[in-house]
Amino acid sequence: MPQVIDSFTGRYAALGLLHRSGFFFEGDEYHSAAAAIEAAKILNRPDRVSFIGWNCKPWKARAMGKGIPQYWIRPDWKQVEEPVMLDIQRSKFSWPEVCEVLLSTEDAKLIYGNVCHDNFWGVCKCRTVPAAQRKYGIGVRCTGAGDNRLGRILMQVREERKAVLQADPDTQRKMTRSMSFLAPTLTTVLQAAS
């Protein structure tokens, strides 16, 4: 196991914001953490409809998020952005399939390495990757040091999930089956598969 995981691709793709995995947040089903975080910015819940469900692809959600009118955005967004992301990640990793990927990182330091100049949620590596991988060019603020807030949140969620599973190893199965109030058809499928 690597001591540091700084790329949420391949085997660790489920850790990234753009990974396609369904989960529920604030009573709505989202296709990715990217869609959920972009929707959570919007104050009026009915205006979030474009981000909800399987039709909103993760990369589309990020693009739409950049176009949200300022008057739609919650006035307290800068204060609640991190706690909201923590809630989104808790919800996403409550599902066994993606939780297994998170737990497989064991005690590795998680760094959301990216090339899209995101030094708030991660660390932009645009200066260190080959020119062919620099999809967005080189950012002037990208020095190889970022806040890595997503990485820290994922490590926190990983420790929380470990604690829950150590207390009761059957928790994952019990939790999945108890989700019937959210999506009866999904629960039926999961029960039939087990």
C-alpha atoms as a PDB file:
ATOM      1  CA  MET A   1       0.000   0.000   0.000  1.00  0.00           C
ATOM      2  CA  PRO A   2       1.439   3.394  -0.948  1.00  0.00           C
ATOM      3  CA  GLN A   3       1.977   5.859   1.911  1.00  0.00           C
ATOM      4  CA  VAL A   4       0.525   8.661  -0.220  1.00  0.00           C
ATOM      5  CA  ILE A   5      -2.224   8.414  -2.828  1.00  0.00           C
ATOM      6  CA  ASP A   6      -2.186  11.609  -4.869  1.00  0.00           C
ATOM      7  CA  SER A   7      -4.183  10.582  -7.907  1.00  0.00           C
ATOM      8  CA  PHE A   8      -7.818   9.572  -7.731  1.00  0.00           C
ATOM      9  CA  THR A   9      -7.705   7.557 -10.946  1.00  0.00           C
ATOM     10  CA  GLY A  10      -7.652   3.867 -11.831  1.00  0.00           C
ATOM     11  CA  ARG A  11      -8.120   1.753  -8.740  1.00  0.00           C
ATOM     12  CA  TYR A  12      -8.844   4.882  -6.637  1.00  0.00           C
ATOM     13  CA  ALA A  13     -11.193   6.645  -9.083  1.00  0.00           C
ATOM     14  CA  ALA A  14     -14.126   6.259  -6.664  1.00  0.00           C
ATOM     15  CA  LEU A  15     -12.455   8.780  -4.347  1.00  0.00           C
ATOM     16  CA  GLY A  16     -12.776  11.590  -6.889  1.00  0.00           C
ATOM     17  CA  LEU A  17     -15.559  14.121  -7.275  1.00  0.00           C
ATOM     18  CA  LEU A  18     -16.239  13.044 -10.850  1.00  0.00           C
ATOM     19  CA  HIS A  19     -16.699   9.336 -10.092  1.00  0.00           C
ATOM     20  CA  ARG A  20     -20.141   8.087 -11.114  1.00  0.00           C
ATOM     21  CA  SER A  21     -21.866   6.571  -8.113  1.00  0.00           C
ATOM     22  CA  GLY A  22     -25.411   7.125  -6.970  1.00  0.00           C
ATOM     23  CA  PHE A  23     -26.150   8.278  -3.440  1.00  0.00           C
ATOM     24  CA  PHE A  24     -28.666  10.391  -1.576  1.00  0.00           C
ATOM     25  CA  PHE A  25     -28.002  13.862  -0.191  1.00  0.00           C
ATOM     26  CA  GLU A  26     -30.656  16.077   1.383  1.00  0.00           C
ATOM     27  CA  GLY A  27     -33.347  13.711   0.099  1.00  0.00           C
ATOM     28  CA  ASP A  28     -32.273  13.801  -3.550  1.00  0.00           C
ATOM     29  CA  GLU A  29     -30.349  11.211  -5.578  1.00  0.00           C
ATOM     30  CA  TYR A  30     -27.108  12.412  -7.128  1.00  0.00           C
ATOM     31  CA  HIS A  31     -24.897  10.802  -9.737  1.00  0.00           C
ATOM     32  CA  SER A  32     -21.615  12.198  -8.385  1.00  0.00           C
ATOM     33  CA  ALA A  33     -20.158  14.249  -5.559  1.00  0.00           C
ATOM     34  CA  ALA A  34     -19.496  16.987  -8.142  1.00  0.00           C
ATOM     35  CA  ALA A  35     -23.226  17.253  -8.894  1.00  0.00           C
ATOM     36  CA  ALA A  36     -24.160  17.253  -5.204  1.00  0.00           C
ATOM     37  CA  ILE A  37     -21.679  19.981  -4.226  1.00  0.00           C
ATOM     38  CA  GLU A  38     -22.694  22.200  -7.154  1.00  0.00           C
ATOM     39  CA  ALA A  39     -26.392  21.732  -6.325  1.00  0.00           C
ATOM     40  CA  ALA A  40     -25.793  22.452  -2.638  1.00  0.00           C
ATOM     41  CA  LYS A  41     -24.588  25.963  -3.552  1.00  0.00           C
ATOM     42  CA  ILE A  42     -28.090  26.841  -4.721  1.00  0.00           C
ATOM     43  CA  LEU A  43     -30.340  28.399  -2.109  1.00  0.00           C
ATOM     44  CA  ASN A  44     -33.710  27.541  -3.667  1.00  0.00           C
ATOM     45  CA  ARG A  45     -34.028  23.752  -3.704  1.00  0.00           C
ATOM     46  CA  PRO A  46     -36.285  23.518  -6.814  1.00  0.00           C
ATOM     47  CA  ASP A  47     -33.516  25.262  -8.798  1.00  0.00           C
ATOM     48  CA  ARG A  48     -31.232  22.283  -8.093  1.00  0.00           C
ATOM     49  CA  VAL A  49     -33.208  19.979 -10.384  1.00  0.00           C
ATOM     50  CA  SER A  50     -30.624  20.119 -13.216  1.00  0.00           C
ATOM     51  CA  PHE A  51     -28.046  18.476 -10.939  1.00  0.00           C
ATOM     52  CA  ILE A  52     -30.256  15.697  -9.571  1.00  0.00           C
ATOM     53  CA  GLY A  53     -30.414  12.156 -10.909  1.00  0.00           C
ATOM     54  CA  TRP A  54     -28.556  10.008 -13.371  1.00  0.00           C
ATOM     55  CA  ASN A  55     -28.926  12.385 -16.317  1.00  0.00           C
ATOM     56  CA  CYS A  56     -26.455  14.895 -14.852  1.00  0.00           C
ATOM     57  CA  LYS A  57     -23.000  13.694 -15.785  1.00  0.00           C
ATOM     58  CA  PRO A  58     -20.220  14.707 -13.347  1.00  0.00           C
ATOM     59  CA  TRP A  59     -18.250  16.865 -15.779  1.00  0.00           C
ATOM     60  CA  LYS A  60     -21.480  18.509 -16.916  1.00  0.00           C
ATOM     61  CA  ALA A  61     -22.293  19.309 -13.277  1.00  0.00           C
ATOM     62  CA  ARG A  62     -18.957  21.101 -12.834  1.00  0.00           C
ATOM     63  CA  ALA A  63     -19.505  23.136 -15.985  1.00  0.00           C
ATOM     64  CA  MET A  64     -23.069  24.026 -14.958  1.00  0.00           C
ATOM     65  CA  GLY A  65     -21.823  24.927 -11.481  1.00  0.00           C
ATOM     66  CA  LYS A  66     -19.585  27.616 -12.928  1.00  0.00           C
ATOM     67  CA  GLY A  67     -22.638  29.164 -14.581  1.00  0.00           C
ATOM     68  CA  ILE A  68     -24.863  29.379 -11.491  1.00  0.00           C
ATOM     69  CA  PRO A  69     -26.121  32.974 -11.206  1.00  0.00           C
ATOM     70  CA  GLN A  70     -24.659  34.708  -8.150  1.00  0.00           C
ATOM     71  CA  TYR A  71     -28.126  35.569  -6.817  1.00  0.00           C
ATOM     72  CA  TRP A  72     -28.985  31.819  -6.665  1.00  0.00           C
ATOM     73  CA  ILE A  73     -25.981  30.972  -4.462  1.00  0.00           C
ATOM     74  CA  ARG A  74     -26.479  30.624  -0.725  1.00  0.00           C
ATOM     75  CA  PRO A  75     -25.230  33.762   1.054  1.00  0.00           C
ATOM     76  CA  ASP A  76     -23.437  31.576   3.638  1.00  0.00           C
ATOM     77  CA  TRP A  77     -21.798  29.312   1.032  1.00  0.00           C
ATOM     78  CA  LYS A  78     -18.174  30.123   1.937  1.00  0.00           C
ATOM     79  CA  GLN A  79     -18.904  29.272   5.602  1.00  0.00           C
ATOM     80  CA  VAL A  80     -20.759  26.001   4.927  1.00  0.00           C
ATOM     81  CA  GLU A  81     -18.902  24.669   1.864  1.00  0.00           C
ATOM     82  CA  GLU A  82     -16.600  22.315   3.787  1.00  0.00           C
ATOM     83  CA  PRO A  83     -19.242  20.913   6.186  1.00  0.00           C
ATOM     84  CA  VAL A  84     -21.513  20.336   3.178  1.00  0.00           C
ATOM     85  CA  MET A  85     -18.727  18.470   1.353  1.00  0.00           C
ATOM     86  CA  LEU A  86     -18.163  16.363   4.476  1.00  0.00           C
ATOM     87  CA  ASP A  87     -21.871  15.439   4.533  1.00  0.00           C
ATOM     88  CA  ILE A  88     -21.774  14.601   0.812  1.00  0.00           C
ATOM     89  CA  GLN A  89     -18.744  12.348   1.266  1.00  0.00           C
ATOM     90  CA  ARG A  90     -20.330  10.638   4.276  1.00  0.00           C
ATOM     91  CA  SER A  91     -23.402   9.903   2.202  1.00  0.00           C
ATOM     92  CA  LYS A  92     -21.415   8.752  -0.822  1.00  0.00           C
ATOM     93  CA  PHE A  93     -19.206   6.394   1.202  1.00  0.00           C
ATOM     94  CA  SER A  94     -22.101   4.932   3.169  1.00  0.00           C
ATOM     95  CA  TRP A  95     -22.637   2.688   0.132  1.00  0.00           C
ATOM     96  CA  PRO A  96     -20.593  -0.534   0.347  1.00  0.00           C
ATOM     97  CA  GLU A  97     -19.171  -0.518  -3.195  1.00  0.00           C
ATOM     98  CA  VAL A  98     -17.429   2.835  -2.857  1.00  0.00           C
ATOM     99  CA  CYS A  99     -16.717   2.431   0.851  1.00  0.00           C
ATOM    100  CA  GLU A 100     -14.571  -0.607   0.025  1.00  0.00           C
ATOM    101  CA  VAL A 101     -12.373   1.565  -2.203  1.00  0.00           C
ATOM    102  CA  LEU A 102     -11.979   4.175   0.538  1.00  0.00           C
ATOM    103  CA  LEU A 103     -11.136   1.543   3.157  1.00  0.00           C
ATOM    104  CA  SER A 104      -8.651  -0.117   0.794  1.00  0.00           C
ATOM    105  CA  THR A 105      -6.473   2.999   1.107  1.00  0.00           C
ATOM    106  CA  GLU A 106      -5.743   1.835   4.683  1.00  0.00           C
ATOM    107  CA  ASP A 107      -3.749   4.632   6.356  1.00  0.00           C
ATOM    108  CA  ALA A 108      -2.353   6.298   3.241  1.00  0.00           C
ATOM    109  CA  LYS A 109      -2.372  10.068   3.071  1.00  0.00           C
ATOM    110  CA  LEU A 110      -4.986  11.058   0.489  1.00  0.00           C
ATOM    111  CA  ILE A 111      -4.247  14.024  -1.747  1.00  0.00           C
ATOM    112  CA  TYR A 112      -6.667  15.171  -4.423  1.00  0.00           C
ATOM    113  CA  GLY A 113      -4.014  15.687  -7.090  1.00  0.00           C
ATOM    114  CA  ASN A 114      -5.381  17.350 -10.202  1.00  0.00           C
ATOM    115  CA  VAL A 115      -4.400  19.353 -13.262  1.00  0.00           C
ATOM    116  CA  CYS A 116      -7.417  21.691 -13.278  1.00  0.00           C
ATOM    117  CA  HIS A 117      -5.850  24.275 -10.923  1.00  0.00           C
ATOM    118  CA  ASP A 118      -8.002  23.273  -7.931  1.00  0.00           C
ATOM    119  CA  ASN A 119      -5.882  24.209  -4.938  1.00  0.00           C
ATOM    120  CA  PHE A 120      -8.875  24.571  -2.615  1.00  0.00           C
ATOM    121  CA  TRP A 121     -10.106  20.962  -2.661  1.00  0.00           C
ATOM    122  CA  GLY A 122      -6.772  19.499  -3.734  1.00  0.00           C
ATOM    123  CA  VAL A 123      -3.281  20.156  -5.012  1.00  0.00           C
ATOM    124  CA  CYS A 124      -2.765  21.087  -8.652  1.00  0.00           C
ATOM    125  CA  LYS A 125       0.075  19.148 -10.273  1.00  0.00           C
ATOM    126  CA  CYS A 126      -0.027  20.961 -13.624  1.00  0.00           C
ATOM    127  CA  ARG A 127       3.633  21.992 -13.401  1.00  0.00           C
ATOM    128  CA  THR A 128       4.871  18.443 -12.813  1.00  0.00           C
ATOM    129  CA  VAL A 129       2.947  16.433 -15.410  1.00  0.00           C
ATOM    130  CA  PRO A 130       3.987  15.966 -19.048  1.00  0.00           C
ATOM    131  CA  ALA A 131       2.743  18.662 -21.426  1.00  0.00           C
ATOM    132  CA  ALA A 132       0.296  16.213 -23.066  1.00  0.00           C
ATOM    133  CA  GLN A 133      -1.551  15.839 -19.727  1.00  0.00           C
ATOM    134  CA  ARG A 134      -1.877  19.586 -19.116  1.00  0.00           C
ATOM    135  CA  LYS A 135      -5.465  19.821 -20.249  1.00  0.00           C
ATOM    136  CA  TYR A 136      -5.864  23.308 -18.752  1.00  0.00           C
ATOM    137  CA  GLY A 137      -2.349  24.705 -19.232  1.00  0.00           C
ATOM    138  CA  ILE A 138      -0.243  25.911 -16.308  1.00  0.00           C
ATOM    139  CA  GLY A 139      -1.822  27.940 -13.539  1.00  0.00           C
ATOM    140  CA  VAL A 140       0.067  30.828 -11.994  1.00  0.00           C
ATOM    141  CA  ARG A 141      -1.176  29.873  -8.499  1.00  0.00           C
ATOM    142  CA  CYS A 142      -0.181  26.234  -8.914  1.00  0.00           C
ATOM    143  CA  THR A 143       3.006  25.678  -6.947  1.00  0.00           C
ATOM    144  CA  GLY A 144       2.437  22.067  -5.915  1.00  0.00           C
ATOM    145  CA  ALA A 145       0.993  23.142  -2.583  1.00  0.00           C
ATOM    146  CA  GLY A 146      -2.747  23.311  -2.061  1.00  0.00           C
ATOM    147  CA  ASP A 147      -5.260  23.136   0.772  1.00  0.00           C
ATOM    148  CA  ASN A 148      -6.216  19.513  -0.045  1.00  0.00           C
ATOM    149  CA  ARG A 149      -9.530  19.898   1.754  1.00  0.00           C
ATOM    150  CA  LEU A 150     -11.101  16.977  -0.111  1.00  0.00           C
ATOM    151  CA  GLY A 151      -8.189  14.710   0.822  1.00  0.00           C
ATOM    152  CA  ARG A 152      -8.546  15.636   4.497  1.00  0.00           C
ATOM    153  CA  ILE A 153     -12.308  15.099   4.390  1.00  0.00           C
ATOM    154  CA  LEU A 154     -11.838  11.674   2.798  1.00  0.00           C
ATOM    155  CA  MET A 155      -9.342  10.672   5.501  1.00  0.00           C
ATOM    156  CA  GLN A 156     -11.848  11.780   8.159  1.00  0.00           C
ATOM    157  CA  VAL A 157     -14.671   9.794   6.538  1.00  0.00           C
ATOM    158  CA  ARG A 158     -12.357   6.780   6.225  1.00  0.00           C
ATOM    159  CA  GLU A 159     -11.651   6.874   9.974  1.00  0.00           C
ATOM    160  CA  GLU A 160     -15.374   7.230  10.738  1.00  0.00           C
ATOM    161  CA  ARG A 161     -16.236   4.245   8.509  1.00  0.00           C
ATOM    162  CA  LYS A 162     -13.461   2.162  10.098  1.00  0.00           C
ATOM    163  CA  ALA A 163     -14.833   2.926  13.567  1.00  0.00           C
ATOM    164  CA  VAL A 164     -18.372   1.951  12.546  1.00  0.00           C
ATOM    165  CA  LEU A 165     -17.207  -1.299  10.960  1.00  0.00           C
ATOM    166  CA  GLN A 166     -15.018  -2.203  13.921  1.00  0.00           C
ATOM    167  CA  ALA A 167     -17.984  -1.718  16.250  1.00  0.00           C
ATOM    168  CA  ASP A 168     -20.234  -3.931  14.105  1.00  0.00           C
ATOM    169  CA  PRO A 169     -18.824  -5.716  11.018  1.00  0.00           C
ATOM    170  CA  ASP A 170     -22.350  -6.345   9.642  1.00  0.00           C
ATOM    171  CA  THR A 171     -23.137  -2.619   9.610  1.00  0.00           C
ATOM    172  CA  GLN A 172     -22.637  -2.209   5.853  1.00  0.00           C
ATOM    173  CA  ARG A 173     -25.214  -4.886   5.001  1.00  0.00           C
ATOM    174  CA  LYS A 174     -27.685  -3.660   7.638  1.00  0.00           C
ATOM    175  CA  MET A 175     -27.338  -0.050   6.527  1.00  0.00           C
ATOM    176  CA  THR A 176     -27.878  -0.867   2.867  1.00  0.00           C
ATOM    177  CA  ARG A 177     -31.031  -2.819   3.612  1.00  0.00           C
ATOM    178  CA  SER A 178     -32.405  -0.068   5.854  1.00  0.00           C
ATOM    179  CA  MET A 179     -32.397   2.449   2.978  1.00  0.00           C
ATOM    180  CA  SER A 180     -35.845   1.343   1.766  1.00  0.00           C
ATOM    181  CA  PHE A 181     -37.437   4.655   2.743  1.00  0.00           C
ATOM    182  CA  LEU A 182     -35.162   6.381   0.214  1.00  0.00           C
ATOM    183  CA  ALA A 183     -35.376   4.085  -2.777  1.00  0.00           C
ATOM    184  CA  PRO A 184     -37.550   0.986  -2.472  1.00  0.00           C
ATOM    185  CA  THR A 185     -36.576  -0.261  -5.926  1.00  0.00           C
ATOM    186  CA  LEU A 186     -32.851   0.070  -5.202  1.00  0.00           C
ATOM    187  CA  THR A 187     -33.248  -1.787  -1.893  1.00  0.00           C
ATOM    188  CA  THR A 188     -35.141  -4.575  -3.655  1.00  0.00           C
ATOM    189  CA  VAL A 189     -32.314  -4.933  -6.175  1.00  0.00           C
ATOM    190  CA  LEU A 190     -29.670  -4.968  -3.446  1.00  0.00           C
ATOM    191  CA  GLN A 191     -31.557  -7.571  -1.403  1.00  0.00           C
ATOM    192  CA  ALA A 192     -32.033  -9.777  -4.446  1.00  0.00           C
ATOM    193  CA  ALA A 193     -28.313  -9.589  -5.197  1.00  0.00           C
ATOM    194  CA  SER A 194     -27.258 -10.708  -1.729  1.00  0.00           C
END
